[in-house]
């Protein structure tokens, strides 16, 4: 990830090759995951595969998830460059506009190997999209067929969930309050999940 306001000024930073050719534009620093996180192992292997440090970029290994997130927040508040690893949906990516850096093609074999500490020959590979599944038990499906049908249609963008999580954090809200916020602000997302009757009832409750 890199701060979008920097990428907008310097479109060449959309790719890892562009960043490595212009390390000064990201303050010559990569904000890495803390030790103990799965992404740390993968990133360490990618750093070696790319020979990232030879391009003049310092790898800063954060001691905790809090300091990693804080580094992003501080950079945005001061309108400074930020380049590092983060994932979504999360609160920081709901608050701060970041651009995903193009690492090239996803190679399943290389990515799997990069997840191992003893990888002697790391290769460059993008991260795969994570699958998110909605599952119900057979008994639930038989007992609540309309709800099960609704759940089979449930889908939303990662960016949307990050925004909801950021709102929840900013407002110290409960999960129930965040759900109401989502329903109130994302009608176009959930309207196709419901049948006509349920859609009308929910819209009436929300005052739409």
C-alpha atoms as a PDB file:
ATOM      1  CA  UNK A   1       0.000   0.000   0.000  1.00  0.00           C
ATOM      2  CA  UNK A   2       0.995   3.593  -0.573  1.00  0.00           C
ATOM      3  CA  UNK A   3      -0.738   6.837   0.340  1.00  0.00           C
ATOM      4  CA  UNK A   4      -3.093   7.737  -2.514  1.00  0.00           C
ATOM      5  CA  UNK A   5      -2.289  11.462  -2.353  1.00  0.00           C
ATOM      6  CA  UNK A   6       1.334  10.580  -3.149  1.00  0.00           C
ATOM      7  CA  UNK A   7       0.421   8.123  -5.922  1.00  0.00           C
ATOM      8  CA  UNK A   8      -1.879  10.726  -7.500  1.00  0.00           C
ATOM      9  CA  UNK A   9       1.086  13.114  -7.753  1.00  0.00           C
ATOM     10  CA  UNK A  10       3.451  10.383  -8.912  1.00  0.00           C
ATOM     11  CA  UNK A  11       1.518   7.703 -10.885  1.00  0.00           C
ATOM     12  CA  UNK A  12       4.709   5.717 -11.400  1.00  0.00           C
ATOM     13  CA  UNK A  13       4.384   4.637  -7.767  1.00  0.00           C
ATOM     14  CA  UNK A  14       1.438   2.390  -8.631  1.00  0.00           C
ATOM     15  CA  UNK A  15       3.891  -0.443  -9.306  1.00  0.00           C
ATOM     16  CA  UNK A  16       6.650  -1.903  -7.168  1.00  0.00           C
ATOM     17  CA  UNK A  17       9.108  -1.226  -9.991  1.00  0.00           C
ATOM     18  CA  UNK A  18       8.148   2.457  -9.909  1.00  0.00           C
ATOM     19  CA  UNK A  19       8.637   2.621  -6.158  1.00  0.00           C
ATOM     20  CA  UNK A  20      12.025   0.930  -6.318  1.00  0.00           C
ATOM     21  CA  UNK A  21      13.109   3.354  -9.034  1.00  0.00           C
ATOM     22  CA  UNK A  22      12.002   6.339  -6.934  1.00  0.00           C
ATOM     23  CA  UNK A  23      12.590   5.442  -3.275  1.00  0.00           C
ATOM     24  CA  UNK A  24      12.796   9.085  -2.211  1.00  0.00           C
ATOM     25  CA  UNK A  25       9.130   9.571  -3.137  1.00  0.00           C
ATOM     26  CA  UNK A  26       8.111   7.124  -0.360  1.00  0.00           C
ATOM     27  CA  UNK A  27      10.738   8.427   2.056  1.00  0.00           C
ATOM     28  CA  UNK A  28      12.820   5.330   1.286  1.00  0.00           C
ATOM     29  CA  UNK A  29      10.945   3.230   3.834  1.00  0.00           C
ATOM     30  CA  UNK A  30       8.792   0.102   3.760  1.00  0.00           C
ATOM     31  CA  UNK A  31       6.590  -0.375   6.822  1.00  0.00           C
ATOM     32  CA  UNK A  32       6.651  -4.116   7.453  1.00  0.00           C
ATOM     33  CA  UNK A  33       4.407  -6.350   9.558  1.00  0.00           C
ATOM     34  CA  UNK A  34       5.312  -7.190  13.173  1.00  0.00           C
ATOM     35  CA  UNK A  35       7.128 -10.413  13.917  1.00  0.00           C
ATOM     36  CA  UNK A  36       4.687 -13.254  14.506  1.00  0.00           C
ATOM     37  CA  UNK A  37       2.223 -12.239  11.803  1.00  0.00           C
ATOM     38  CA  UNK A  38       1.852 -14.465   8.746  1.00  0.00           C
ATOM     39  CA  UNK A  39       2.357 -11.496   6.448  1.00  0.00           C
ATOM     40  CA  UNK A  40       5.771 -10.886   8.005  1.00  0.00           C
ATOM     41  CA  UNK A  41       7.127 -14.173   6.659  1.00  0.00           C
ATOM     42  CA  UNK A  42       5.697 -13.535   3.202  1.00  0.00           C
ATOM     43  CA  UNK A  43       6.928  -9.943   3.149  1.00  0.00           C
ATOM     44  CA  UNK A  44      10.420 -10.937   4.268  1.00  0.00           C
ATOM     45  CA  UNK A  45      10.600 -13.371   1.367  1.00  0.00           C
ATOM     46  CA  UNK A  46       9.261 -10.780  -1.077  1.00  0.00           C
ATOM     47  CA  UNK A  47      11.835  -8.271   0.172  1.00  0.00           C
ATOM     48  CA  UNK A  48      14.576 -10.776  -0.672  1.00  0.00           C
ATOM     49  CA  UNK A  49      13.002 -11.717  -4.015  1.00  0.00           C
ATOM     50  CA  UNK A  50      12.751  -8.067  -5.048  1.00  0.00           C
ATOM     51  CA  UNK A  51      16.124  -7.142  -3.532  1.00  0.00           C
ATOM     52  CA  UNK A  52      14.170  -4.213  -2.146  1.00  0.00           C
ATOM     53  CA  UNK A  53      16.850  -2.853   0.153  1.00  0.00           C
ATOM     54  CA  UNK A  54      19.350  -2.612  -2.723  1.00  0.00           C
ATOM     55  CA  UNK A  55      17.061   0.012  -4.273  1.00  0.00           C
ATOM     56  CA  UNK A  56      17.663   2.236  -1.263  1.00  0.00           C
ATOM     57  CA  UNK A  57      14.512   1.396   0.673  1.00  0.00           C
ATOM     58  CA  UNK A  58      14.869   0.742   4.401  1.00  0.00           C
ATOM     59  CA  UNK A  59      12.686  -2.032   5.808  1.00  0.00           C
ATOM     60  CA  UNK A  60      11.156  -0.936   9.104  1.00  0.00           C
ATOM     61  CA  UNK A  61       9.828  -3.912  11.070  1.00  0.00           C
ATOM     62  CA  UNK A  62       7.091  -2.688  13.372  1.00  0.00           C
ATOM     63  CA  UNK A  63       6.910  -4.109  16.865  1.00  0.00           C
ATOM     64  CA  UNK A  64       3.113  -4.299  16.946  1.00  0.00           C
ATOM     65  CA  UNK A  65       0.004  -3.840  14.871  1.00  0.00           C
ATOM     66  CA  UNK A  66      -0.691  -0.641  16.789  1.00  0.00           C
ATOM     67  CA  UNK A  67       2.546   1.020  15.704  1.00  0.00           C
ATOM     68  CA  UNK A  68       2.019  -0.114  12.103  1.00  0.00           C
ATOM     69  CA  UNK A  69      -1.437   1.499  12.056  1.00  0.00           C
ATOM     70  CA  UNK A  70      -0.157   4.568  13.901  1.00  0.00           C
ATOM     71  CA  UNK A  71       2.579   5.096  11.318  1.00  0.00           C
ATOM     72  CA  UNK A  72      -0.085   5.251   8.617  1.00  0.00           C
ATOM     73  CA  UNK A  73      -2.246   7.642  10.642  1.00  0.00           C
ATOM     74  CA  UNK A  74       0.691   9.933  11.399  1.00  0.00           C
ATOM     75  CA  UNK A  75       1.772  10.055   7.763  1.00  0.00           C
ATOM     76  CA  UNK A  76      -1.730  10.939   6.566  1.00  0.00           C
ATOM     77  CA  UNK A  77      -2.219  13.613   9.207  1.00  0.00           C
ATOM     78  CA  UNK A  78       1.056  15.239   8.152  1.00  0.00           C
ATOM     79  CA  UNK A  79       0.500  14.592   4.438  1.00  0.00           C
ATOM     80  CA  UNK A  80       3.728  12.623   4.287  1.00  0.00           C
ATOM     81  CA  UNK A  81       4.475   9.579   2.122  1.00  0.00           C
ATOM     82  CA  UNK A  82       3.606   6.135   3.470  1.00  0.00           C
ATOM     83  CA  UNK A  83       4.556   2.811   1.893  1.00  0.00           C
ATOM     84  CA  UNK A  84       3.965  -0.486   3.623  1.00  0.00           C
ATOM     85  CA  UNK A  85       1.805  -3.534   4.144  1.00  0.00           C
ATOM     86  CA  UNK A  86      -1.796  -3.457   5.320  1.00  0.00           C
ATOM     87  CA  UNK A  87      -4.881  -5.522   4.673  1.00  0.00           C
ATOM     88  CA  UNK A  88      -8.631  -5.008   4.434  1.00  0.00           C
ATOM     89  CA  UNK A  89     -11.284  -4.800   5.674  1.00  0.00           C
ATOM     90  CA  UNK A  90      -9.774  -2.867   8.581  1.00  0.00           C
ATOM     91  CA  UNK A  91     -10.314   0.400  10.455  1.00  0.00           C
ATOM     92  CA  UNK A  92      -7.209   2.187   9.042  1.00  0.00           C
ATOM     93  CA  UNK A  93      -8.168   1.462   5.447  1.00  0.00           C
ATOM     94  CA  UNK A  94     -11.654   2.758   6.200  1.00  0.00           C
ATOM     95  CA  UNK A  95     -10.172   6.013   7.503  1.00  0.00           C
ATOM     96  CA  UNK A  96      -7.235   6.569   5.167  1.00  0.00           C
ATOM     97  CA  UNK A  97      -7.130   6.505   1.380  1.00  0.00           C
ATOM     98  CA  UNK A  98      -4.453   4.047   0.300  1.00  0.00           C
ATOM     99  CA  UNK A  99      -3.578   2.594  -3.102  1.00  0.00           C
ATOM    100  CA  UNK A 100      -2.648  -1.035  -3.562  1.00  0.00           C
ATOM    101  CA  UNK A 101       0.750  -1.429  -5.212  1.00  0.00           C
ATOM    102  CA  UNK A 102       0.926  -3.696  -8.246  1.00  0.00           C
ATOM    103  CA  UNK A 103       3.394  -6.508  -7.543  1.00  0.00           C
ATOM    104  CA  UNK A 104       2.717  -8.251 -10.843  1.00  0.00           C
ATOM    105  CA  UNK A 105       0.960 -11.551 -11.407  1.00  0.00           C
ATOM    106  CA  UNK A 106      -0.200 -13.866  -8.660  1.00  0.00           C
ATOM    107  CA  UNK A 107       1.755 -17.128  -8.700  1.00  0.00           C
ATOM    108  CA  UNK A 108       0.133 -19.665  -6.380  1.00  0.00           C
ATOM    109  CA  UNK A 109       3.235 -21.849  -6.067  1.00  0.00           C
ATOM    110  CA  UNK A 110       5.538 -18.898  -5.388  1.00  0.00           C
ATOM    111  CA  UNK A 111       3.111 -17.360  -2.902  1.00  0.00           C
ATOM    112  CA  UNK A 112       2.782 -20.632  -0.984  1.00  0.00           C
ATOM    113  CA  UNK A 113       6.560 -20.989  -0.859  1.00  0.00           C
ATOM    114  CA  UNK A 114       6.894 -17.392   0.362  1.00  0.00           C
ATOM    115  CA  UNK A 115       4.807 -18.353   3.367  1.00  0.00           C
ATOM    116  CA  UNK A 116       7.649 -20.569   4.627  1.00  0.00           C
ATOM    117  CA  UNK A 117      10.570 -19.219   6.658  1.00  0.00           C
ATOM    118  CA  UNK A 118      13.023 -21.650   5.071  1.00  0.00           C
ATOM    119  CA  UNK A 119      12.340 -20.589   1.483  1.00  0.00           C
ATOM    120  CA  UNK A 120      15.767 -20.631  -0.152  1.00  0.00           C
ATOM    121  CA  UNK A 121      14.548 -19.253  -3.469  1.00  0.00           C
ATOM    122  CA  UNK A 122      11.793 -16.668  -2.925  1.00  0.00           C
ATOM    123  CA  UNK A 123       9.992 -15.415  -6.007  1.00  0.00           C
ATOM    124  CA  UNK A 124       7.872 -12.328  -6.604  1.00  0.00           C
ATOM    125  CA  UNK A 125       4.139 -12.940  -6.482  1.00  0.00           C
ATOM    126  CA  UNK A 126       1.133 -10.775  -5.748  1.00  0.00           C
ATOM    127  CA  UNK A 127      -1.151 -11.676  -2.853  1.00  0.00           C
ATOM    128  CA  UNK A 128      -4.294 -13.639  -3.741  1.00  0.00           C
ATOM    129  CA  UNK A 129      -7.772 -12.419  -2.933  1.00  0.00           C
ATOM    130  CA  UNK A 130      -9.042 -14.090   0.231  1.00  0.00           C
ATOM    131  CA  UNK A 131     -12.228 -16.114  -0.112  1.00  0.00           C
ATOM    132  CA  UNK A 132     -15.066 -15.164   2.241  1.00  0.00           C
ATOM    133  CA  UNK A 133     -17.833 -17.753   2.538  1.00  0.00           C
ATOM    134  CA  UNK A 134     -21.309 -17.568   4.031  1.00  0.00           C
ATOM    135  CA  UNK A 135     -22.362 -20.915   5.471  1.00  0.00           C
ATOM    136  CA  UNK A 136     -25.462 -22.194   7.259  1.00  0.00           C
ATOM    137  CA  UNK A 137     -26.379 -25.559   8.704  1.00  0.00           C
ATOM    138  CA  UNK A 138     -28.871 -27.785   6.925  1.00  0.00           C
ATOM    139  CA  UNK A 139     -31.251 -27.536   9.876  1.00  0.00           C
ATOM    140  CA  UNK A 140     -31.151 -23.723   9.729  1.00  0.00           C
ATOM    141  CA  UNK A 141     -31.797 -23.745   5.996  1.00  0.00           C
ATOM    142  CA  UNK A 142     -34.808 -25.996   6.480  1.00  0.00           C
ATOM    143  CA  UNK A 143     -36.112 -23.957   9.422  1.00  0.00           C
ATOM    144  CA  UNK A 144     -35.495 -20.492   7.933  1.00  0.00           C
ATOM    145  CA  UNK A 145     -35.531 -20.860   4.130  1.00  0.00           C
ATOM    146  CA  UNK A 146     -36.142 -17.157   3.444  1.00  0.00           C
ATOM    147  CA  UNK A 147     -33.259 -16.088   5.654  1.00  0.00           C
ATOM    148  CA  UNK A 148     -31.005 -18.716   4.088  1.00  0.00           C
ATOM    149  CA  UNK A 149     -31.913 -17.437   0.643  1.00  0.00           C
ATOM    150  CA  UNK A 150     -31.069 -13.902   1.726  1.00  0.00           C
ATOM    151  CA  UNK A 151     -27.702 -15.041   3.072  1.00  0.00           C
ATOM    152  CA  UNK A 152     -26.940 -16.749  -0.251  1.00  0.00           C
ATOM    153  CA  UNK A 153     -27.163 -13.311  -1.920  1.00  0.00           C
ATOM    154  CA  UNK A 154     -25.192 -11.422   0.724  1.00  0.00           C
ATOM    155  CA  UNK A 155     -22.144  -9.688  -0.725  1.00  0.00           C
ATOM    156  CA  UNK A 156     -20.458  -6.318  -0.347  1.00  0.00           C
ATOM    157  CA  UNK A 157     -17.185  -4.636  -1.235  1.00  0.00           C
ATOM    158  CA  UNK A 158     -14.191  -4.795   1.071  1.00  0.00           C
ATOM    159  CA  UNK A 159     -14.037  -1.000   0.996  1.00  0.00           C
ATOM    160  CA  UNK A 160     -17.585  -0.820   2.325  1.00  0.00           C
ATOM    161  CA  UNK A 161     -16.781  -2.980   5.347  1.00  0.00           C
ATOM    162  CA  UNK A 162     -13.629  -0.945   6.058  1.00  0.00           C
ATOM    163  CA  UNK A 163     -15.742   2.221   6.076  1.00  0.00           C
ATOM    164  CA  UNK A 164     -18.247   0.654   8.472  1.00  0.00           C
ATOM    165  CA  UNK A 165     -15.449  -0.487  10.788  1.00  0.00           C
ATOM    166  CA  UNK A 166     -13.950   3.009  10.733  1.00  0.00           C
ATOM    167  CA  UNK A 167     -17.344   4.545  11.594  1.00  0.00           C
ATOM    168  CA  UNK A 168     -17.755   2.035  14.438  1.00  0.00           C
ATOM    169  CA  UNK A 169     -14.333   2.949  15.806  1.00  0.00           C
ATOM    170  CA  UNK A 170     -14.815   6.715  15.478  1.00  0.00           C
ATOM    171  CA  UNK A 171     -18.194   6.575  17.207  1.00  0.00           C
ATOM    172  CA  UNK A 172     -17.354   3.932  19.813  1.00  0.00           C
ATOM    173  CA  UNK A 173     -20.413   2.128  18.510  1.00  0.00           C
ATOM    174  CA  UNK A 174     -21.684  -1.371  19.176  1.00  0.00           C
ATOM    175  CA  UNK A 175     -21.893  -4.049  16.499  1.00  0.00           C
ATOM    176  CA  UNK A 176     -25.674  -3.525  16.389  1.00  0.00           C
ATOM    177  CA  UNK A 177     -25.241   0.221  15.857  1.00  0.00           C
ATOM    178  CA  UNK A 178     -22.713  -0.425  13.113  1.00  0.00           C
ATOM    179  CA  UNK A 179     -25.191  -2.770  11.426  1.00  0.00           C
ATOM    180  CA  UNK A 180     -27.854  -0.050  11.475  1.00  0.00           C
ATOM    181  CA  UNK A 181     -25.330   2.428  10.073  1.00  0.00           C
ATOM    182  CA  UNK A 182     -24.513   0.006   7.266  1.00  0.00           C
ATOM    183  CA  UNK A 183     -28.180  -0.546   6.444  1.00  0.00           C
ATOM    184  CA  UNK A 184     -28.904   3.186   6.542  1.00  0.00           C
ATOM    185  CA  UNK A 185     -26.050   4.198   4.262  1.00  0.00           C
ATOM    186  CA  UNK A 186     -25.780   1.285   1.836  1.00  0.00           C
ATOM    187  CA  UNK A 187     -29.282   0.702   0.492  1.00  0.00           C
ATOM    188  CA  UNK A 188     -28.005  -0.026  -3.000  1.00  0.00           C
ATOM    189  CA  UNK A 189     -25.856  -2.806  -1.553  1.00  0.00           C
ATOM    190  CA  UNK A 190     -28.442  -4.719   0.453  1.00  0.00           C
ATOM    191  CA  UNK A 191     -31.641  -4.101  -1.522  1.00  0.00           C
ATOM    192  CA  UNK A 192     -30.969  -7.023  -3.857  1.00  0.00           C
ATOM    193  CA  UNK A 193     -30.446  -9.415  -0.939  1.00  0.00           C
ATOM    194  CA  UNK A 194     -34.132  -9.266   0.042  1.00  0.00           C
ATOM    195  CA  UNK A 195     -37.445 -10.188  -1.471  1.00  0.00           C
ATOM    196  CA  UNK A 196     -39.933  -7.397  -2.162  1.00  0.00           C
ATOM    197  CA  UNK A 197     -41.810  -7.780   1.120  1.00  0.00           C
ATOM    198  CA  UNK A 198     -38.702  -7.818   3.308  1.00  0.00           C
ATOM    199  CA  UNK A 199     -37.191  -4.899   1.395  1.00  0.00           C
ATOM    200  CA  UNK A 200     -40.291  -2.780   1.950  1.00  0.00           C
ATOM    201  CA  UNK A 201     -40.463  -3.614   5.659  1.00  0.00           C
ATOM    202  CA  UNK A 202     -36.796  -2.810   6.248  1.00  0.00           C
ATOM    203  CA  UNK A 203     -37.016   0.429   4.259  1.00  0.00           C
ATOM    204  CA  UNK A 204     -39.990   1.471   6.405  1.00  0.00           C
ATOM    205  CA  UNK A 205     -38.050   0.747   9.616  1.00  0.00           C
ATOM    206  CA  UNK A 206     -35.115   2.815   8.360  1.00  0.00           C
ATOM    207  CA  UNK A 207     -37.463   5.624   7.310  1.00  0.00           C
ATOM    208  CA  UNK A 208     -36.652   5.424   3.621  1.00  0.00           C
END
